[in-house]
Amino acid sequence: MKVKEIMNRDFVKVSPNDIGGEVIQYLYRERKSYAPVVEDGKLAGWITALDLLAGCKHSKIEDLMLLIDEIKILKEDDEISDELIDEMIKNEDIAYPVVNDNDEVVGTLSVFDLLKYYKNR
């Protein structure tokens, strides 16, 4: 099974220039605890609610986000493997950004997406 078969295509995204306090409110309204940081359609970083709570609500997201070399990035054609699931569990990662072959963000894969998939099998 490939990532694109179960990833969330209806994801929230934020910009590096967004302000932390506004993003916290946006994530809360959307009932999300993470978002890819996207600039010109490409992944620029990753932000979680914990990152936002630890940062300043007046800071720009670019000053609070995890950079792409600090996160796991999935390709939409990657296989969902036991190793991937084990890594998510071991690292307590809730979600990963998913990109296509042009490095454009096309979705997110969360533990909740995996649970929904396996529950409905």
N, C-alpha and C. Protein backbone atom coordinates (compact mmCIF):
# COMPACT_ATOMS: atom_id res chain seq x y z
N MET A 1 0.84 -1.17 0.00
CA MET A 1 0.00 0.00 0.00
C MET A 1 0.89 1.24 0.00
N LYS A 2 0.49 2.23 -0.77
CA LYS A 2 1.27 3.46 -0.89
C LYS A 2 0.69 4.57 -0.01
N VAL A 3 1.55 5.51 0.34
CA VAL A 3 1.15 6.64 1.17
C VAL A 3 -0.05 7.35 0.56
N LYS A 4 -0.05 7.56 -0.76
CA LYS A 4 -1.12 8.33 -1.40
C LYS A 4 -2.48 7.67 -1.28
N GLU A 5 -2.51 6.38 -0.96
CA GLU A 5 -3.78 5.69 -0.82
C GLU A 5 -4.50 6.03 0.48
N ILE A 6 -3.78 6.46 1.49
CA ILE A 6 -4.44 6.75 2.77
C ILE A 6 -4.12 8.13 3.35
N MET A 7 -3.27 8.90 2.67
CA MET A 7 -2.92 10.22 3.21
C MET A 7 -4.13 11.15 3.18
N ASN A 8 -4.06 12.18 3.95
CA ASN A 8 -5.09 13.21 4.02
C ASN A 8 -4.79 14.27 2.96
N ARG A 9 -5.67 14.40 1.99
CA ARG A 9 -5.50 15.41 0.94
C ARG A 9 -6.18 16.73 1.31
N ASP A 10 -6.99 16.70 2.35
CA ASP A 10 -7.70 17.89 2.81
C ASP A 10 -7.00 18.40 4.07
N PHE A 11 -5.78 18.86 3.90
CA PHE A 11 -4.94 19.25 5.03
C PHE A 11 -4.86 20.78 5.14
N VAL A 12 -4.48 21.25 6.31
CA VAL A 12 -4.25 22.67 6.49
C VAL A 12 -2.78 22.95 6.24
N LYS A 13 -2.50 24.12 5.73
CA LYS A 13 -1.11 24.52 5.52
C LYS A 13 -0.97 25.97 5.94
N VAL A 14 0.24 26.34 6.28
CA VAL A 14 0.52 27.70 6.71
C VAL A 14 1.71 28.23 5.94
N SER A 15 1.91 29.52 6.03
CA SER A 15 3.01 30.20 5.34
C SER A 15 4.10 30.57 6.35
N PRO A 16 5.35 30.65 5.90
CA PRO A 16 6.42 31.07 6.80
C PRO A 16 6.19 32.48 7.37
N ASN A 17 5.42 33.30 6.68
CA ASN A 17 5.17 34.67 7.13
C ASN A 17 3.97 34.82 8.05
N ASP A 18 3.22 33.73 8.26
CA ASP A 18 2.09 33.78 9.19
C ASP A 18 2.61 34.03 10.60
N ILE A 19 1.75 34.56 11.44
CA ILE A 19 2.10 34.89 12.82
C ILE A 19 1.62 33.76 13.74
N GLY A 20 2.49 33.37 14.69
CA GLY A 20 2.22 32.24 15.57
C GLY A 20 0.87 32.25 16.23
N GLY A 21 0.48 33.37 16.82
CA GLY A 21 -0.81 33.46 17.51
C GLY A 21 -1.99 33.21 16.58
N GLU A 22 -1.90 33.69 15.36
CA GLU A 22 -2.97 33.48 14.38
C GLU A 22 -3.01 32.02 13.94
N VAL A 23 -1.84 31.41 13.80
CA VAL A 23 -1.78 30.01 13.39
C VAL A 23 -2.34 29.10 14.48
N ILE A 24 -2.05 29.42 15.74
CA ILE A 24 -2.62 28.64 16.86
C ILE A 24 -4.15 28.65 16.76
N GLN A 25 -4.72 29.83 16.55
CA GLN A 25 -6.18 29.93 16.44
C GLN A 25 -6.70 29.17 15.23
N TYR A 26 -6.00 29.26 14.11
CA TYR A 26 -6.38 28.56 12.89
C TYR A 26 -6.36 27.04 13.10
N LEU A 27 -5.27 26.52 13.67
CA LEU A 27 -5.19 25.09 13.94
C LEU A 27 -6.30 24.65 14.89
N TYR A 28 -6.58 25.47 15.89
CA TYR A 28 -7.64 25.14 16.84
C TYR A 28 -8.99 25.05 16.12
N ARG A 29 -9.29 26.03 15.29
CA ARG A 29 -10.56 26.03 14.53
C ARG A 29 -10.67 24.81 13.62
N GLU A 30 -9.55 24.42 13.03
CA GLU A 30 -9.55 23.29 12.10
C GLU A 30 -9.37 21.95 12.80
N ARG A 31 -9.18 22.00 14.13
CA ARG A 31 -9.00 20.79 14.94
C ARG A 31 -7.79 19.99 14.48
N LYS A 32 -6.70 20.70 14.26
CA LYS A 32 -5.43 20.09 13.84
C LYS A 32 -4.35 20.44 14.86
N SER A 33 -3.34 19.60 14.95
CA SER A 33 -2.24 19.89 15.86
C SER A 33 -0.92 20.01 15.12
N TYR A 34 -0.97 20.08 13.79
CA TYR A 34 0.23 20.18 12.97
C TYR A 34 -0.15 20.75 11.60
N ALA A 35 0.86 21.24 10.89
CA ALA A 35 0.63 21.72 9.53
C ALA A 35 1.96 21.83 8.80
N PRO A 36 1.94 21.51 7.50
CA PRO A 36 3.13 21.80 6.71
C PRO A 36 3.23 23.31 6.50
N VAL A 37 4.45 23.80 6.48
CA VAL A 37 4.70 25.20 6.17
C VAL A 37 5.07 25.22 4.68
N VAL A 38 4.27 25.93 3.89
CA VAL A 38 4.39 25.87 2.43
C VAL A 38 4.69 27.25 1.88
N GLU A 39 5.66 27.29 0.98
CA GLU A 39 6.01 28.53 0.29
C GLU A 39 6.13 28.22 -1.20
N ASP A 40 5.36 28.91 -2.01
CA ASP A 40 5.32 28.68 -3.46
C ASP A 40 5.01 27.23 -3.79
N GLY A 41 4.10 26.62 -3.02
CA GLY A 41 3.68 25.25 -3.25
C GLY A 41 4.63 24.20 -2.73
N LYS A 42 5.80 24.60 -2.29
CA LYS A 42 6.83 23.66 -1.85
C LYS A 42 6.92 23.63 -0.32
N LEU A 43 7.33 22.49 0.20
CA LEU A 43 7.48 22.34 1.64
C LEU A 43 8.67 23.17 2.13
N ALA A 44 8.41 24.06 3.08
CA ALA A 44 9.47 24.89 3.66
C ALA A 44 9.79 24.44 5.08
N GLY A 45 8.84 23.75 5.73
CA GLY A 45 9.03 23.31 7.10
C GLY A 45 7.79 22.65 7.64
N TRP A 46 7.75 22.48 8.94
CA TRP A 46 6.67 21.76 9.63
C TRP A 46 6.45 22.45 10.96
N ILE A 47 5.20 22.63 11.33
CA ILE A 47 4.90 23.28 12.60
C ILE A 47 3.89 22.43 13.37
N THR A 48 4.09 22.33 14.67
CA THR A 48 3.14 21.62 15.51
C THR A 48 2.60 22.58 16.57
N ALA A 49 1.51 22.19 17.17
CA ALA A 49 0.93 23.01 18.23
C ALA A 49 1.93 23.19 19.37
N LEU A 50 2.72 22.15 19.65
CA LEU A 50 3.73 22.27 20.71
C LEU A 50 4.79 23.30 20.35
N ASP A 51 5.21 23.33 19.08
CA ASP A 51 6.18 24.34 18.65
C ASP A 51 5.61 25.74 18.86
N LEU A 52 4.34 25.89 18.55
CA LEU A 52 3.69 27.20 18.68
C LEU A 52 3.54 27.61 20.14
N LEU A 53 3.19 26.65 20.98
CA LEU A 53 3.03 26.96 22.40
C LEU A 53 4.36 27.31 23.05
N ALA A 54 5.44 26.71 22.56
CA ALA A 54 6.77 26.99 23.11
C ALA A 54 7.33 28.31 22.59
N GLY A 55 6.82 28.78 21.45
CA GLY A 55 7.32 30.01 20.84
C GLY A 55 6.53 31.22 21.28
N CYS A 56 6.83 32.30 20.66
CA CYS A 56 6.15 33.57 20.95
C CYS A 56 4.98 33.74 19.99
N LYS A 57 3.84 34.12 20.51
CA LYS A 57 2.66 34.24 19.65
C LYS A 57 2.78 35.38 18.64
N HIS A 58 3.77 36.24 18.81
CA HIS A 58 3.98 37.33 17.87
C HIS A 58 5.05 37.00 16.83
N SER A 59 5.68 35.84 16.96
CA SER A 59 6.75 35.45 16.03
C SER A 59 6.18 34.94 14.72
N LYS A 60 6.97 35.09 13.68
CA LYS A 60 6.60 34.51 12.40
C LYS A 60 6.84 33.00 12.46
N ILE A 61 6.07 32.27 11.68
CA ILE A 61 6.19 30.82 11.64
C ILE A 61 7.60 30.40 11.24
N GLU A 62 8.23 31.14 10.33
CA GLU A 62 9.58 30.77 9.89
C GLU A 62 10.57 30.74 11.05
N ASP A 63 10.28 31.46 12.14
CA ASP A 63 11.16 31.45 13.30
C ASP A 63 10.82 30.34 14.30
N LEU A 64 9.67 29.67 14.11
CA LEU A 64 9.22 28.65 15.04
C LEU A 64 9.21 27.24 14.44
N MET A 65 9.18 27.15 13.12
CA MET A 65 8.97 25.86 12.45
C MET A 65 10.21 24.98 12.49
N LEU A 66 9.96 23.69 12.32
CA LEU A 66 11.06 22.74 12.09
C LEU A 66 11.42 22.84 10.62
N LEU A 67 12.70 22.85 10.32
CA LEU A 67 13.16 22.95 8.94
C LEU A 67 13.08 21.58 8.28
N ILE A 68 13.10 21.57 6.95
CA ILE A 68 12.89 20.30 6.24
C ILE A 68 13.98 19.27 6.52
N ASP A 69 15.16 19.72 6.91
CA ASP A 69 16.21 18.74 7.24
C ASP A 69 16.05 18.19 8.66
N GLU A 70 15.04 18.68 9.40
CA GLU A 70 14.79 18.22 10.76
C GLU A 70 13.58 17.29 10.86
N ILE A 71 12.91 17.04 9.73
CA ILE A 71 11.68 16.25 9.75
C ILE A 71 11.75 15.13 8.72
N LYS A 72 10.88 14.17 8.89
CA LYS A 72 10.74 13.10 7.91
C LYS A 72 9.72 13.57 6.87
N ILE A 73 10.08 13.44 5.62
CA ILE A 73 9.20 13.82 4.52
C ILE A 73 8.89 12.56 3.73
N LEU A 74 7.61 12.32 3.48
CA LEU A 74 7.21 11.16 2.70
C LEU A 74 6.90 11.57 1.28
N LYS A 75 7.18 10.69 0.35
CA LYS A 75 6.75 10.85 -1.04
C LYS A 75 5.43 10.11 -1.18
N GLU A 76 4.55 10.61 -2.02
CA GLU A 76 3.22 10.00 -2.13
C GLU A 76 3.28 8.56 -2.64
N ASP A 77 4.33 8.18 -3.33
CA ASP A 77 4.47 6.81 -3.82
C ASP A 77 5.27 5.91 -2.89
N ASP A 78 5.68 6.42 -1.72
CA ASP A 78 6.36 5.57 -0.73
C ASP A 78 5.39 4.49 -0.26
N GLU A 79 5.94 3.36 0.12
CA GLU A 79 5.15 2.28 0.67
C GLU A 79 4.92 2.50 2.16
N ILE A 80 3.71 2.17 2.62
CA ILE A 80 3.45 2.14 4.05
C ILE A 80 4.04 0.82 4.54
N SER A 81 5.03 0.90 5.38
CA SER A 81 5.72 -0.30 5.83
C SER A 81 5.66 -0.39 7.35
N ASP A 82 5.95 -1.58 7.84
CA ASP A 82 6.04 -1.75 9.29
C ASP A 82 7.12 -0.85 9.87
N GLU A 83 8.20 -0.65 9.11
CA GLU A 83 9.29 0.21 9.58
C GLU A 83 8.83 1.66 9.74
N LEU A 84 8.02 2.13 8.79
CA LEU A 84 7.49 3.50 8.88
C LEU A 84 6.60 3.64 10.12
N ILE A 85 5.73 2.68 10.31
CA ILE A 85 4.83 2.73 11.47
C ILE A 85 5.63 2.62 12.77
N ASP A 86 6.62 1.73 12.79
CA ASP A 86 7.47 1.60 13.98
C ASP A 86 8.20 2.91 14.27
N GLU A 87 8.67 3.60 13.22
CA GLU A 87 9.37 4.88 13.40
C GLU A 87 8.44 5.94 13.98
N MET A 88 7.20 5.98 13.48
CA MET A 88 6.24 6.95 14.01
C MET A 88 6.00 6.69 15.49
N ILE A 89 5.86 5.42 15.85
CA ILE A 89 5.62 5.07 17.25
C ILE A 89 6.84 5.39 18.11
N LYS A 90 8.01 4.97 17.65
CA LYS A 90 9.24 5.18 18.42
C LYS A 90 9.50 6.67 18.66
N ASN A 91 9.33 7.49 17.62
CA ASN A 91 9.61 8.92 17.72
C ASN A 91 8.42 9.73 18.24
N GLU A 92 7.30 9.04 18.45
CA GLU A 92 6.06 9.70 18.87
C GLU A 92 5.68 10.83 17.92
N ASP A 93 5.88 10.57 16.61
CA ASP A 93 5.50 11.53 15.58
C ASP A 93 4.02 11.34 15.24
N ILE A 94 3.27 12.41 15.29
CA ILE A 94 1.84 12.33 15.00
C ILE A 94 1.59 12.30 13.50
N ALA A 95 2.42 13.01 12.72
CA ALA A 95 2.17 13.11 11.28
C ALA A 95 3.43 13.51 10.54
N TYR A 96 3.38 13.27 9.24
CA TYR A 96 4.46 13.67 8.34
C TYR A 96 3.86 14.38 7.13
N PRO A 97 4.60 15.32 6.55
CA PRO A 97 4.15 15.91 5.29
C PRO A 97 4.39 14.93 4.14
N VAL A 98 3.56 15.04 3.11
CA VAL A 98 3.70 14.19 1.92
C VAL A 98 3.86 15.10 0.71
N VAL A 99 4.88 14.81 -0.12
CA VAL A 99 5.14 15.60 -1.32
C VAL A 99 5.10 14.70 -2.55
N ASN A 100 4.92 15.34 -3.72
CA ASN A 100 4.96 14.60 -4.98
C ASN A 100 6.37 14.65 -5.55
N ASP A 101 6.53 14.18 -6.78
CA ASP A 101 7.86 14.15 -7.40
C ASP A 101 8.43 15.54 -7.68
N ASN A 102 7.56 16.57 -7.68
CA ASN A 102 8.01 17.96 -7.86
C ASN A 102 8.22 18.67 -6.53
N ASP A 103 8.21 17.89 -5.44
CA ASP A 103 8.35 18.42 -4.08
C ASP A 103 7.24 19.39 -3.68
N GLU A 104 6.08 19.27 -4.31
CA GLU A 104 4.91 20.06 -3.92
C GLU A 104 4.17 19.29 -2.85
N VAL A 105 3.67 20.00 -1.84
CA VAL A 105 2.95 19.35 -0.76
C VAL A 105 1.58 18.91 -1.28
N VAL A 106 1.29 17.63 -1.13
CA VAL A 106 0.03 17.08 -1.63
C VAL A 106 -0.81 16.47 -0.51
N GLY A 107 -0.28 16.41 0.70
CA GLY A 107 -1.05 15.85 1.80
C GLY A 107 -0.21 15.69 3.05
N THR A 108 -0.85 15.05 4.03
CA THR A 108 -0.17 14.68 5.26
C THR A 108 -0.56 13.24 5.58
N LEU A 109 0.30 12.54 6.26
CA LEU A 109 -0.02 11.20 6.74
C LEU A 109 0.12 11.21 8.24
N SER A 110 -0.99 10.96 8.93
CA SER A 110 -0.98 10.98 10.39
C SER A 110 -1.29 9.60 10.94
N VAL A 111 -1.04 9.44 12.22
CA VAL A 111 -1.40 8.19 12.87
C VAL A 111 -2.90 7.97 12.79
N PHE A 112 -3.66 9.05 12.73
CA PHE A 112 -5.11 8.93 12.64
C PHE A 112 -5.55 8.43 11.27
N ASP A 113 -4.83 8.85 10.22
CA ASP A 113 -5.11 8.32 8.88
C ASP A 113 -4.85 6.81 8.86
N LEU A 114 -3.76 6.40 9.48
CA LEU A 114 -3.43 4.96 9.54
C LEU A 114 -4.48 4.20 10.34
N LEU A 115 -4.89 4.76 11.48
CA LEU A 115 -5.92 4.09 12.29
C LEU A 115 -7.23 3.95 11.53
N LYS A 116 -7.65 5.01 10.84
CA LYS A 116 -8.89 4.95 10.04
C LYS A 116 -8.80 3.86 8.99
N TYR A 117 -7.65 3.80 8.31
CA TYR A 117 -7.47 2.82 7.25
C TYR A 117 -7.56 1.40 7.82
N TYR A 118 -6.81 1.13 8.87
CA TYR A 118 -6.77 -0.21 9.42
C TYR A 118 -8.09 -0.60 10.10
N LYS A 119 -8.80 0.37 10.66
CA LYS A 119 -10.10 0.10 11.28
C LYS A 119 -11.11 -0.33 10.22
N ASN A 120 -11.06 0.28 9.05
CA ASN A 120 -12.05 0.01 8.00
C ASN A 120 -11.69 -1.17 7.11
N ARG A 121 -10.62 -1.86 7.39
CA ARG A 121 -10.23 -3.02 6.57
C ARG A 121 -11.02 -4.24 6.90
